[in-house]
Amino acid sequence: MKLFYVTYVDLYLSEVGDGDPDLQFTPQEEYVMHQRCLGRWKAKDENDLKDKIFDFIGYHVEDIKYQIRKTYCSP
């Protein structure tokens, strides 16, 4: 396991609401969702990290920037 520090994430929110403005996220709601994905995450690799973020927030990651802080050895 590695400790990832996510500094930027872009979620796939293009199809939310299917074009109906009443069902789409406001810019503030999108900002909050992106901010909730930043910070420390434990994952095996980048794909696992994206899966963990999807499980957490419910939307796929389109773009991500991170630093690897530490590698953990499983006992």
Protein backbone atom coordinates (compact mmCIF):
# COMPACT_ATOMS: atom_id res chain seq x y z
CA MET A 1 0.00 0.00 0.00
CA LYS A 2 1.08 3.54 -0.72
CA LEU A 3 0.07 6.78 0.89
CA PHE A 4 -1.08 9.21 -1.80
CA TYR A 5 -1.52 12.92 -1.19
CA VAL A 6 -4.07 14.13 -3.76
CA THR A 7 -3.56 17.79 -4.69
CA TYR A 8 -5.99 18.03 -7.63
CA VAL A 9 -8.92 15.99 -8.87
CA ASP A 10 -11.38 16.51 -11.71
CA LEU A 11 -14.52 14.41 -11.45
CA TYR A 12 -16.65 13.34 -14.42
CA LEU A 13 -19.76 15.43 -13.79
CA SER A 14 -20.65 16.25 -17.42
CA GLU A 15 -23.74 14.08 -17.61
CA VAL A 16 -25.17 14.90 -14.20
CA GLY A 17 -28.74 16.13 -14.60
CA ASP A 18 -28.90 15.13 -18.28
CA GLY A 19 -28.93 18.78 -19.38
CA ASP A 20 -31.70 19.83 -17.00
CA PRO A 21 -30.37 22.85 -15.04
CA ASP A 22 -32.60 22.03 -12.06
CA LEU A 23 -30.88 18.64 -11.67
CA GLN A 24 -27.29 19.79 -12.27
CA PHE A 25 -24.80 20.69 -9.56
CA THR A 26 -24.10 24.35 -8.89
CA PRO A 27 -20.49 25.50 -9.25
CA GLN A 28 -20.28 25.66 -5.44
CA GLU A 29 -21.50 22.06 -5.09
CA GLU A 30 -18.95 20.89 -7.68
CA TYR A 31 -16.19 22.76 -5.83
CA VAL A 32 -17.12 21.10 -2.52
CA MET A 33 -17.18 17.64 -4.14
CA HIS A 34 -13.70 18.19 -5.62
CA GLN A 35 -12.36 19.51 -2.30
CA ARG A 36 -13.66 16.47 -0.40
CA CYS A 37 -11.47 14.24 -2.59
CA LEU A 38 -8.22 16.06 -1.79
CA GLY A 39 -5.81 14.93 0.89
CA ARG A 40 -4.41 11.58 2.01
CA TRP A 41 -5.52 8.25 0.60
CA LYS A 42 -4.11 4.73 1.00
CA ALA A 43 -4.09 2.72 -2.22
CA LYS A 44 -2.07 0.10 -4.13
CA ASP A 45 -1.62 2.18 -7.29
CA GLU A 46 -3.26 4.98 -9.29
CA ASN A 47 -6.14 2.80 -10.51
CA ASP A 48 -6.87 1.66 -6.97
CA LEU A 49 -6.75 5.30 -5.84
CA LYS A 50 -9.30 6.28 -8.51
CA ASP A 51 -11.52 3.37 -7.45
CA LYS A 52 -11.37 4.46 -3.80
CA ILE A 53 -12.32 8.03 -4.74
CA PHE A 54 -15.21 6.71 -6.87
CA ASP A 55 -16.41 4.57 -3.95
CA PHE A 56 -16.21 7.63 -1.68
CA ILE A 57 -17.82 10.31 -3.86
CA GLY A 58 -19.78 8.30 -6.46
CA TYR A 59 -18.29 9.86 -9.60
CA HIS A 60 -15.39 8.76 -11.80
CA VAL A 61 -12.07 10.61 -11.77
CA GLU A 62 -11.19 12.23 -15.11
CA ASP A 63 -7.89 13.78 -14.06
CA ILE A 64 -5.83 13.55 -10.89
CA LYS A 65 -2.58 14.93 -9.51
CA TYR A 66 -0.91 13.51 -6.45
CA GLN A 67 2.33 12.88 -4.61
CA ILE A 68 3.32 9.55 -3.13
CA ARG A 69 4.27 10.15 0.49
CA LYS A 70 5.07 6.67 1.81
CA THR A 71 4.95 3.03 0.93
CA TYR A 72 3.36 0.75 3.50
CA CYS A 73 4.21 -2.93 3.81
CA SER A 74 1.30 -5.14 4.69
CA PRO A 75 2.09 -7.56 7.52
